[in-house]
Amino acid sequence: MQKKIAIIGSGFSSLSASCYLAKEGHEVTIYEKNQTVGGRARQLIRDGFTFDMGPSWYWMPDIFDNFFNDFGKKTSDYYQLDKLSPAYKIFFADDNITIGDCIDKICKEFERLEPGSARHLKNFIAKAQKNYDIAINKVVLRPGLSPLELITPETALRVDQFFKTISGEVRKKFKNPKLVSTLEFPVLFLGAKPNKTPSFYNFMNYADFGLGTWHPKGGMYEIVKAMKNLAQELGVKICTDAPASKINVVGGLASGITIHNKDISADVVLSGADYHHSETLLDIEYRQYSESYWNKKTFAPSSLLFYIGFDKKLKNVNHHNLFFDTDFERHAQEIYDNPSWPKDPLFYANFPSITDSSMAPVNCETGFFLVPIAPDLTDTPELRSQYFDIIIDRFEKRTEQSVKSNIIFKESFCVNDFVEQYNSYKGNAYGMANTLSQTAFLRPNLKSKKVKNLYFTGQLTVPGPGVPPALISGKLVSQLINKNI
């Protein structure tokens, strides 16, 4: 039976859900508070430079393929995808590591730093591949309604991996601190410290070394445009500049939303906006989770971001670059254990114009810099300026070049912007961390327990943070809606 469905927000999970729901014949409308769709995956274009404002890593290409295949489409119908070679570069204080585009190249680099480590790496990645197959094909495709969802013949054989940590498993076999950091880095995408993340999540290492790092020509926003086009092909209506101010409930049943003081009726309401914010749109008696609940949860980091246009081509850098030339553990503590602005921050730098000339003017470079920080920190122009100076000085030193005088412009984005533009709880950038106590059925529910026909999707619910999980979240919630209406 066709239903009228109102979706709040237009991030990856909302766009995903809208496609699946429209495919089933429902009348679907997306309401987005900002001027463009994409949620945190927005685009900045200035003076011929193109920036992805949010996600910039294309991992798990199979998840994107599966999404478009569900509609009889291919990614190539919408955008060109290229595998990066090398995938990325890691800068340490006294050496650099280059991660190649295949396991043999990566093994060779590991052997250079720690003889004998290649054998351990192959075994580690083989185990990670098995976990990836289980995670993607079994665990994450379940809606997080019951702990029994985690119990399959495959996970039962790996139950110990939910009580060991990534750090523990990595450090048993690898002694070189640079290799340890390299193997622990991918789980940061899950929003938690490696010593707090179950070892089962080493499937992220397979996503990294096994499946590789890719780039959609034109940037990550090409995926947003592809999903928007697909949604509209399926009949989805999209309204921008349409912030929801209230989720309306009548007799315990979601009856629609309020936009610009106008009530819009709907049979089903689905929010892909920040989960905490979404619940504040409800009267208190209809909220599932208290403020103390949210305050006790472990959130993924926020970020200090800089978008920079350079008037020359840069040297000694790749498309993706990680600057791990300071204390990894101390920075992690300053995010999770003792939230504070980091003394010597690690940071990430992305120059997509190195491999994609469409993203910068001729002989120029598009630069995206990211410093992970704790959520809810004080955010001021002075602090932004101070940290820009810190990272650009280190960048010049590690890459052996001068760039300050080549900056045409720079724009920044930080905690205050995450709150103001995305209604992000405490200004988090990646949602809720995937720790053991915040996995699967222990995450906020896809379906409201208090309001009938009210649902949620996105990185604070199942299955977790990241772009591929967001696509899956949209599929899971659409299945749940179709099952219950």
Protein backbone atom coordinates (compact mmCIF):
# COMPACT_ATOMS: atom_id res chain seq x y z
CA MET A 1 0.00 0.00 0.00
CA GLN A 2 1.40 3.39 -1.00
CA LYS A 3 2.26 5.68 1.90
CA LYS A 4 3.23 9.34 2.07
CA ILE A 5 6.70 9.48 3.60
CA ALA A 6 8.50 12.62 4.81
CA ILE A 7 12.28 12.36 5.21
CA ILE A 8 14.20 14.92 7.27
CA GLY A 9 17.72 15.56 5.95
CA SER A 10 19.43 14.60 2.70
CA GLY A 11 22.65 12.88 3.73
CA PHE A 12 23.74 9.52 2.33
CA SER A 13 21.41 7.52 4.57
CA SER A 14 18.38 9.66 3.72
CA LEU A 15 19.10 9.54 0.00
CA SER A 16 19.59 5.78 0.21
CA ALA A 17 16.32 5.25 2.10
CA SER A 18 14.43 7.53 -0.26
CA CYS A 19 15.48 5.43 -3.25
CA TYR A 20 14.46 2.13 -1.68
CA LEU A 21 11.12 3.53 -0.45
CA ALA A 22 10.30 5.13 -3.79
CA LYS A 23 11.15 1.88 -5.55
CA GLU A 24 8.41 0.24 -3.45
CA GLY A 25 5.91 2.76 -4.77
CA HIS A 26 5.69 5.18 -1.85
CA GLU A 27 5.29 8.95 -2.23
CA VAL A 28 8.59 10.21 -0.81
CA THR A 29 9.67 13.78 -0.11
CA ILE A 30 13.03 14.85 1.35
CA TYR A 31 13.22 18.07 3.37
CA GLU A 32 16.74 19.52 3.68
CA LYS A 33 17.56 22.53 5.88
CA ASN A 34 20.52 23.69 3.77
CA GLN A 35 20.58 24.97 0.19
CA THR A 36 22.07 21.80 -1.27
CA VAL A 37 21.61 18.09 -0.66
CA GLY A 38 24.25 15.79 0.80
CA GLY A 39 24.19 16.54 4.51
CA ARG A 40 27.79 16.58 5.71
CA ALA A 41 28.96 15.54 2.27
CA ARG A 42 28.58 18.97 0.76
CA GLN A 43 30.71 20.69 -1.84
CA LEU A 44 32.56 24.01 -1.83
CA ILE A 45 33.43 25.62 -5.16
CA ARG A 46 35.47 28.81 -5.12
CA ASP A 47 37.59 30.51 -7.79
CA GLY A 48 37.80 27.32 -9.85
CA PHE A 49 38.75 25.11 -6.88
CA THR A 50 36.44 22.23 -5.90
CA PHE A 51 36.40 20.84 -2.35
CA ASP A 52 34.57 17.98 -0.71
CA MET A 53 33.61 19.58 2.59
CA GLY A 54 33.09 16.30 4.41
CA PRO A 55 33.94 12.68 3.47
CA SER A 56 36.96 12.40 1.20
CA TRP A 57 37.89 8.68 1.33
CA TYR A 58 36.18 6.23 -1.03
CA TRP A 59 36.54 2.83 0.61
CA MET A 60 34.44 -0.35 0.28
CA PRO A 61 33.57 0.09 -3.41
CA ASP A 62 31.46 -3.07 -3.25
CA ILE A 63 28.94 -1.31 -0.97
CA PHE A 64 28.42 1.46 -3.53
CA ASP A 65 28.19 -1.13 -6.32
CA ASN A 66 25.58 -3.08 -4.35
CA PHE A 67 23.52 0.05 -3.76
CA PHE A 68 23.26 1.00 -7.43
CA ASN A 69 22.84 -2.65 -8.48
CA ASP A 70 19.70 -2.79 -6.31
CA PHE A 71 18.15 -0.39 -8.82
CA GLY A 72 19.49 -2.05 -11.95
CA LYS A 73 22.24 0.56 -12.22
CA LYS A 74 26.03 0.71 -12.00
CA THR A 75 28.27 3.34 -10.44
CA SER A 76 29.68 3.92 -13.92
CA ASP A 77 26.22 5.06 -15.03
CA TYR A 78 26.75 8.11 -12.84
CA TYR A 79 30.45 8.72 -12.18
CA GLN A 80 33.95 7.64 -13.15
CA LEU A 81 35.83 5.75 -10.46
CA ASP A 82 39.62 5.43 -10.38
CA LYS A 83 41.77 3.36 -8.04
CA LEU A 84 44.49 5.46 -6.44
CA SER A 85 48.08 4.32 -6.85
CA PRO A 86 49.55 4.76 -4.34
CA ALA A 87 46.56 4.73 -1.99
CA TYR A 88 48.06 7.16 0.51
CA LYS A 89 51.25 8.29 2.24
CA ILE A 90 52.03 8.45 5.96
CA PHE A 91 54.57 10.96 7.24
CA PHE A 92 56.45 10.14 10.44
CA ALA A 93 59.11 12.24 12.15
CA ASP A 94 62.02 10.32 10.61
CA ASP A 95 60.55 8.35 7.70
CA ASN A 96 57.55 7.99 5.40
CA ILE A 97 55.42 4.98 4.50
CA THR A 98 53.74 4.68 1.12
CA ILE A 99 50.72 2.38 0.96
CA GLY A 100 50.56 0.87 -2.50
CA ASP A 101 47.53 -0.23 -4.49
CA CYS A 102 47.98 -3.97 -3.86
CA ILE A 103 49.00 -6.22 -1.00
CA ASP A 104 52.34 -7.20 -2.57
CA LYS A 105 53.49 -3.56 -2.68
CA ILE A 106 52.33 -3.03 0.90
CA CYS A 107 54.14 -6.19 2.07
CA LYS A 108 57.34 -4.91 0.48
CA GLU A 109 57.01 -1.64 2.41
CA PHE A 110 56.36 -3.53 5.67
CA GLU A 111 59.45 -5.69 5.11
CA ARG A 112 61.55 -2.57 4.65
CA LEU A 113 60.65 -1.42 8.14
CA GLU A 114 60.38 -4.76 9.93
CA PRO A 115 61.91 -7.87 8.32
CA GLY A 116 59.55 -10.82 8.58
CA SER A 117 56.45 -8.67 8.94
CA ALA A 118 55.10 -9.43 5.46
CA ARG A 119 54.12 -12.96 6.49
CA HIS A 120 52.30 -11.65 9.54
CA LEU A 121 50.59 -8.99 7.41
CA LYS A 122 49.26 -11.52 4.91
CA ASN A 123 47.84 -13.66 7.73
CA PHE A 124 46.36 -10.58 9.40
CA ILE A 125 44.68 -9.41 6.18
CA ALA A 126 43.40 -12.93 5.41
CA LYS A 127 41.64 -12.96 8.79
CA ALA A 128 40.43 -9.42 8.17
CA GLN A 129 38.95 -10.50 4.82
CA LYS A 130 36.95 -13.27 6.47
CA ASN A 131 35.67 -10.81 9.05
CA TYR A 132 34.79 -8.38 6.26
CA ASP A 133 32.71 -11.01 4.49
CA ILE A 134 30.87 -11.83 7.73
CA ALA A 135 30.40 -8.18 8.71
CA ILE A 136 29.12 -6.99 5.35
CA ASN A 137 27.08 -10.02 4.36
CA LYS A 138 25.74 -11.02 7.79
CA VAL A 139 26.07 -8.56 10.66
CA VAL A 140 25.55 -5.07 9.20
CA LEU A 141 22.57 -6.10 7.12
CA ARG A 142 20.49 -6.62 10.26
CA PRO A 143 18.38 -3.85 11.79
CA GLY A 144 19.78 -3.88 15.34
CA LEU A 145 16.56 -4.99 17.01
CA SER A 146 17.93 -7.90 19.03
CA PRO A 147 21.24 -9.27 20.38
CA LEU A 148 20.38 -12.53 18.60
CA GLU A 149 21.18 -10.79 15.32
CA LEU A 150 24.87 -11.01 16.21
CA ILE A 151 24.70 -14.77 16.69
CA THR A 152 25.40 -16.62 13.47
CA PRO A 153 27.46 -19.77 12.87
CA GLU A 154 30.26 -17.50 11.65
CA THR A 155 30.24 -14.99 14.52
CA ALA A 156 29.91 -17.78 17.09
CA LEU A 157 33.33 -19.02 15.98
CA ARG A 158 34.72 -15.51 16.43
CA VAL A 159 33.11 -14.48 19.70
CA ASP A 160 36.55 -13.96 21.26
CA GLN A 161 37.23 -11.22 18.70
CA PHE A 162 34.50 -9.09 20.28
CA PHE A 163 36.40 -9.11 23.58
CA LYS A 164 39.90 -8.56 22.23
CA THR A 165 40.95 -5.22 20.80
CA ILE A 166 42.47 -4.09 17.54
CA SER A 167 45.51 -2.78 19.40
CA GLY A 168 46.03 -6.06 21.22
CA GLU A 169 45.92 -8.10 18.03
CA VAL A 170 48.13 -5.74 16.02
CA ARG A 171 50.81 -5.42 18.70
CA LYS A 172 51.12 -9.17 19.15
CA LYS A 173 52.58 -9.54 15.67
CA PHE A 174 54.03 -6.13 14.76
CA LYS A 175 56.66 -4.35 16.82
CA ASN A 176 57.67 -1.40 14.65
CA PRO A 177 55.63 1.57 15.97
CA LYS A 178 55.16 2.95 12.47
CA LEU A 179 53.59 -0.29 11.28
CA VAL A 180 51.45 -0.42 14.41
CA SER A 181 50.12 3.08 13.69
CA THR A 182 49.52 2.16 10.05
CA LEU A 183 47.41 -0.86 11.01
CA GLU A 184 45.55 0.91 13.81
CA PHE A 185 44.66 3.95 11.71
CA PRO A 186 41.69 2.52 9.70
CA VAL A 187 39.52 1.90 12.77
CA LEU A 188 39.60 5.63 13.46
CA PHE A 189 36.93 5.74 10.74
CA LEU A 190 34.74 3.90 13.25
CA GLY A 191 35.19 6.74 15.69
CA ALA A 192 36.97 5.00 18.56
CA LYS A 193 40.46 4.35 19.90
CA PRO A 194 42.09 1.14 18.63
CA ASN A 195 42.45 -0.11 22.22
CA LYS A 196 38.69 0.28 22.69
CA THR A 197 37.63 -1.27 19.38
CA PRO A 198 36.86 -5.03 19.13
CA SER A 199 39.40 -6.92 17.05
CA PHE A 200 36.56 -8.18 14.83
CA TYR A 201 36.62 -4.70 13.31
CA ASN A 202 39.96 -5.43 11.69
CA PHE A 203 37.78 -5.90 8.61
CA MET A 204 38.57 -2.21 8.10
CA ASN A 205 42.15 -3.26 7.35
CA TYR A 206 40.85 -5.44 4.54
CA ALA A 207 38.78 -2.51 3.28
CA ASP A 208 42.05 -0.56 3.23
CA PHE A 209 44.71 -2.99 1.99
CA GLY A 210 42.48 -5.52 0.24
CA LEU A 211 39.91 -3.39 -1.58
CA GLY A 212 41.98 -0.26 -1.99
CA THR A 213 41.35 3.47 -2.01
CA TRP A 214 39.37 4.99 -4.88
CA HIS A 215 38.43 8.41 -6.20
CA PRO A 216 35.28 9.43 -8.06
CA LYS A 217 36.28 11.95 -10.70
CA GLY A 218 35.06 15.35 -9.58
CA GLY A 219 35.13 14.37 -5.91
CA MET A 220 32.94 12.58 -3.39
CA TYR A 221 30.07 14.94 -4.13
CA GLU A 222 29.62 13.07 -7.40
CA ILE A 223 28.13 10.22 -5.32
CA VAL A 224 25.65 12.64 -3.77
CA LYS A 225 24.67 13.92 -7.21
CA ALA A 226 24.34 10.34 -8.47
CA MET A 227 22.07 9.36 -5.57
CA LYS A 228 20.02 12.54 -5.97
CA ASN A 229 19.56 11.83 -9.68
CA LEU A 230 18.58 8.22 -8.98
CA ALA A 231 16.12 9.32 -6.30
CA GLN A 232 14.48 11.79 -8.66
CA GLU A 233 14.36 9.18 -11.42
CA LEU A 234 12.41 7.05 -8.96
CA GLY A 235 9.99 9.90 -8.22
CA VAL A 236 11.41 11.33 -4.99
CA LYS A 237 10.69 15.02 -4.42
CA ILE A 238 13.47 17.07 -2.82
CA CYS A 239 12.91 20.35 -1.01
CA THR A 240 15.92 22.42 0.08
CA ASP A 241 15.93 25.43 2.43
CA ALA A 242 13.33 23.43 4.35
CA PRO A 243 14.35 23.01 8.00
CA ALA A 244 12.05 20.84 10.09
CA SER A 245 11.10 22.57 13.34
CA LYS A 246 8.82 19.86 14.72
CA ILE A 247 7.83 16.22 14.30
CA ASN A 248 4.10 16.15 14.84
CA VAL A 249 2.47 13.34 16.80
CA VAL A 250 -1.26 12.66 17.17
CA GLY A 251 -2.40 9.88 19.46
CA GLY A 252 1.05 8.32 19.58
CA LEU A 253 1.28 8.27 15.78
CA ALA A 254 3.66 10.39 13.68
CA SER A 255 1.42 12.60 11.58
CA GLY A 256 3.97 14.74 9.74
CA ILE A 257 6.45 17.57 10.25
CA THR A 258 6.43 21.34 10.48
CA ILE A 259 8.42 23.36 7.92
CA HIS A 260 8.48 27.18 8.06
CA ASN A 261 5.50 27.13 10.45
CA LYS A 262 3.52 25.02 7.99
CA ASP A 263 2.32 21.54 8.97
CA ILE A 264 3.02 18.90 6.34
CA SER A 265 1.11 15.66 6.73
CA ALA A 266 2.73 12.24 6.29
CA ASP A 267 1.91 8.61 7.03
CA VAL A 268 5.54 7.93 7.98
CA VAL A 269 8.29 10.25 9.21
CA LEU A 270 11.93 9.23 8.76
CA SER A 271 14.73 11.41 10.12
CA GLY A 272 18.22 11.16 8.71
CA ALA A 273 19.24 14.26 10.64
CA ASP A 274 21.35 14.02 13.78
CA TYR A 275 19.48 11.56 16.04
CA HIS A 276 19.74 13.70 19.19
CA HIS A 277 18.48 16.76 17.30
CA SER A 278 15.68 14.73 15.73
CA GLU A 279 14.36 13.79 19.14
CA THR A 280 14.38 17.44 20.24
CA LEU A 281 11.80 18.00 17.48
CA LEU A 282 9.42 15.84 19.54
CA ASP A 283 7.53 16.78 22.67
CA ILE A 284 9.42 15.44 25.71
CA GLU A 285 7.01 12.57 26.39
CA TYR A 286 7.77 11.11 22.95
CA ARG A 287 11.57 11.15 23.26
CA GLN A 288 13.24 7.76 23.76
CA TYR A 289 16.58 8.96 25.09
CA SER A 290 17.33 11.48 27.83
CA GLU A 291 20.04 14.11 27.79
CA SER A 292 22.00 12.03 30.31
CA TYR A 293 21.84 9.08 27.90
CA TRP A 294 23.45 11.07 25.11
CA ASN A 295 25.98 12.68 27.45
CA LYS A 296 27.26 9.28 28.60
CA LYS A 297 27.81 7.96 25.10
CA THR A 298 31.20 7.86 23.38
CA PHE A 299 31.08 10.06 20.32
CA ALA A 300 33.42 10.02 17.38
CA PRO A 301 35.68 13.04 17.00
CA SER A 302 34.83 16.42 15.67
CA SER A 303 37.20 18.06 13.21
CA LEU A 304 38.94 21.30 12.45
CA LEU A 305 38.91 21.58 8.66
CA PHE A 306 40.67 23.93 6.28
CA TYR A 307 39.90 24.34 2.57
CA ILE A 308 42.84 25.96 0.81
CA GLY A 309 43.53 27.08 -2.73
CA PHE A 310 47.24 27.03 -3.67
CA ASP A 311 48.59 28.92 -6.69
CA LYS A 312 51.16 26.22 -7.51
CA LYS A 313 51.48 22.44 -7.75
CA LEU A 314 52.76 20.87 -4.53
CA LYS A 315 55.56 18.33 -4.33
CA ASN A 316 56.36 15.30 -2.15
CA VAL A 317 52.70 14.62 -1.40
CA ASN A 318 50.05 12.20 -2.68
CA HIS A 319 46.29 12.44 -3.07
CA HIS A 320 45.80 11.31 0.57
CA ASN A 321 48.40 12.05 3.26
CA LEU A 322 48.50 11.28 6.99
CA PHE A 323 50.85 13.22 9.24
CA PHE A 324 51.66 10.89 12.14
CA ASP A 325 54.88 12.69 13.04
CA THR A 326 53.75 13.29 16.64
CA ASP A 327 52.50 11.08 19.47
CA PHE A 328 49.50 9.06 18.18
CA GLU A 329 48.45 7.84 21.64
CA ARG A 330 48.61 11.27 23.28
CA HIS A 331 46.43 12.82 20.59
CA ALA A 332 43.92 9.97 21.01
CA GLN A 333 43.81 10.63 24.76
CA GLU A 334 43.16 14.32 24.08
CA ILE A 335 40.14 13.29 22.00
CA TYR A 336 38.64 10.52 24.13
CA ASP A 337 40.09 10.47 27.65
CA ASN A 338 40.84 14.09 28.50
CA PRO A 339 38.98 16.17 25.89
CA SER A 340 41.11 19.18 25.04
CA TRP A 341 42.73 20.93 22.14
CA PRO A 342 45.74 18.72 21.20
CA LYS A 343 49.24 19.90 21.98
CA ASP A 344 50.84 18.31 18.91
CA PRO A 345 48.01 17.20 16.63
CA LEU A 346 48.12 14.50 14.04
CA PHE A 347 46.44 15.67 10.86
CA TYR A 348 45.32 14.59 7.42
CA ALA A 349 45.87 16.42 4.12
CA ASN A 350 44.05 15.69 0.89
CA PHE A 351 45.04 17.04 -2.53
CA PRO A 352 42.54 15.57 -5.01
CA SER A 353 43.81 17.76 -7.83
CA ILE A 354 46.99 15.66 -7.88
CA THR A 355 45.03 12.85 -9.54
CA ASP A 356 42.00 14.80 -10.78
CA SER A 357 42.81 17.97 -12.71
CA SER A 358 39.13 18.95 -12.78
CA MET A 359 39.30 19.95 -9.11
CA ALA A 360 41.69 22.92 -9.42
CA PRO A 361 42.71 25.54 -11.99
CA VAL A 362 45.74 24.80 -14.16
CA ASN A 363 49.01 24.71 -12.17
CA CYS A 364 47.15 25.06 -8.90
CA GLU A 365 46.30 22.66 -6.07
CA THR A 366 43.17 22.04 -4.06
CA GLY A 367 44.06 21.35 -0.41
CA PHE A 368 41.87 19.92 2.34
CA PHE A 369 43.36 19.69 5.85
CA LEU A 370 41.70 17.93 8.78
CA VAL A 371 42.68 17.88 12.47
CA PRO A 372 40.63 15.39 14.55
CA ILE A 373 39.55 16.93 17.86
CA ALA A 374 37.23 16.11 20.74
CA PRO A 375 33.58 17.12 20.34
CA ASP A 376 32.20 20.06 22.32
CA LEU A 377 35.47 22.01 22.50
CA THR A 378 35.55 25.80 22.57
CA ASP A 379 35.79 26.97 18.97
CA THR A 380 37.10 30.46 18.25
CA PRO A 381 38.71 32.21 15.25
CA GLU A 382 41.88 32.60 17.33
CA LEU A 383 42.12 28.85 17.98
CA ARG A 384 41.49 28.05 14.33
CA SER A 385 44.26 30.43 13.32
CA GLN A 386 46.63 29.04 15.93
CA TYR A 387 46.14 25.46 14.73
CA PHE A 388 46.42 26.40 11.09
CA ASP A 389 49.87 27.82 11.81
CA ILE A 390 50.84 24.65 13.69
CA ILE A 391 49.90 22.25 10.91
CA ILE A 392 51.13 24.36 7.99
CA ASP A 393 54.54 24.74 9.65
CA ARG A 394 54.75 20.98 10.10
CA PHE A 395 53.49 20.40 6.57
CA GLU A 396 56.25 22.60 5.13
CA LYS A 397 58.89 20.85 7.23
CA ARG A 398 57.81 17.29 6.44
CA THR A 399 57.26 17.87 2.72
CA GLU A 400 60.35 20.07 2.35
CA GLN A 401 58.67 22.95 0.57
CA SER A 402 57.37 26.45 1.23
CA VAL A 403 53.63 26.93 0.68
CA LYS A 404 52.43 29.77 2.92
CA SER A 405 53.07 32.45 0.32
CA ASN A 406 51.20 30.36 -2.28
CA ILE A 407 47.86 30.37 -0.46
CA ILE A 408 45.23 32.19 -2.53
CA PHE A 409 42.52 31.71 0.09
CA LYS A 410 41.57 29.49 2.98
CA GLU A 411 38.24 28.72 4.64
CA SER A 412 37.70 26.83 7.87
CA PHE A 413 35.00 24.65 9.42
CA CYS A 414 34.88 23.44 13.01
CA VAL A 415 32.71 22.58 16.03
CA ASN A 416 30.48 25.65 15.83
CA ASP A 417 29.78 24.99 12.15
CA PHE A 418 28.91 21.33 12.72
CA VAL A 419 26.37 22.45 15.31
CA GLU A 420 24.95 25.34 13.29
CA GLN A 421 24.83 23.72 9.85
CA TYR A 422 24.14 20.07 10.71
CA ASN A 423 22.54 20.26 14.19
CA SER A 424 25.35 17.93 15.22
CA TYR A 425 25.36 16.82 18.87
CA LYS A 426 28.32 18.56 20.55
CA GLY A 427 29.64 19.32 17.08
CA ASN A 428 30.68 15.72 16.38
CA ALA A 429 31.79 15.02 12.82
CA TYR A 430 31.32 11.24 12.53
CA GLY A 431 28.48 10.24 14.84
CA MET A 432 28.65 7.72 17.66
CA ALA A 433 31.75 5.55 18.09
CA ASN A 434 31.52 1.82 17.34
CA THR A 435 32.75 0.51 20.68
CA LEU A 436 31.62 -2.89 22.01
CA SER A 437 28.93 -1.24 24.17
CA GLN A 438 27.70 0.80 21.19
CA THR A 439 27.46 -1.91 18.54
CA ALA A 440 24.40 -3.23 16.67
CA PHE A 441 21.36 -3.52 18.99
CA LEU A 442 23.14 -1.34 21.59
CA ARG A 443 22.96 1.71 19.31
CA PRO A 444 19.94 4.06 19.16
CA ASN A 445 17.10 2.27 17.36
CA LEU A 446 16.04 2.66 13.75
CA LYS A 447 12.41 2.61 14.93
CA SER A 448 10.99 4.80 17.66
CA LYS A 449 9.78 2.88 20.71
CA LYS A 450 7.33 5.64 21.63
CA VAL A 451 5.89 6.93 18.37
CA LYS A 452 4.36 4.70 15.75
CA ASN A 453 5.55 5.27 12.16
CA LEU A 454 8.57 7.32 13.27
CA TYR A 455 11.98 6.07 12.14
CA PHE A 456 15.62 7.16 12.18
CA THR A 457 18.63 6.52 9.97
CA GLY A 458 22.25 7.65 9.75
CA GLN A 459 25.53 7.45 11.58
CA LEU A 460 24.15 7.58 15.14
CA THR A 461 22.08 4.46 14.57
CA VAL A 462 22.68 1.09 12.87
CA PRO A 463 25.18 0.10 11.58
CA GLY A 464 27.44 3.07 12.43
CA PRO A 465 29.65 5.89 11.13
CA GLY A 466 31.03 6.17 7.63
CA VAL A 467 29.64 6.57 4.12
CA PRO A 468 29.18 2.86 3.26
CA PRO A 469 27.39 2.18 6.60
CA ALA A 470 25.15 5.18 5.86
CA LEU A 471 24.07 3.61 2.57
CA ILE A 472 23.31 0.39 4.43
CA SER A 473 21.45 2.27 7.18
CA GLY A 474 19.11 3.72 4.57
CA LYS A 475 18.43 0.27 3.17
CA LEU A 476 17.81 -1.25 6.61
CA VAL A 477 15.35 1.40 7.69
CA SER A 478 13.45 1.22 4.39
CA GLN A 479 13.06 -2.54 4.86
CA LEU A 480 11.82 -1.96 8.39
CA ILE A 481 9.29 0.63 7.23
CA ASN A 482 7.98 -1.64 4.48
CA LYS A 483 7.66 -4.50 6.96
CA ASN A 484 5.69 -2.46 9.48
CA ILE A 485 3.25 -0.50 7.32
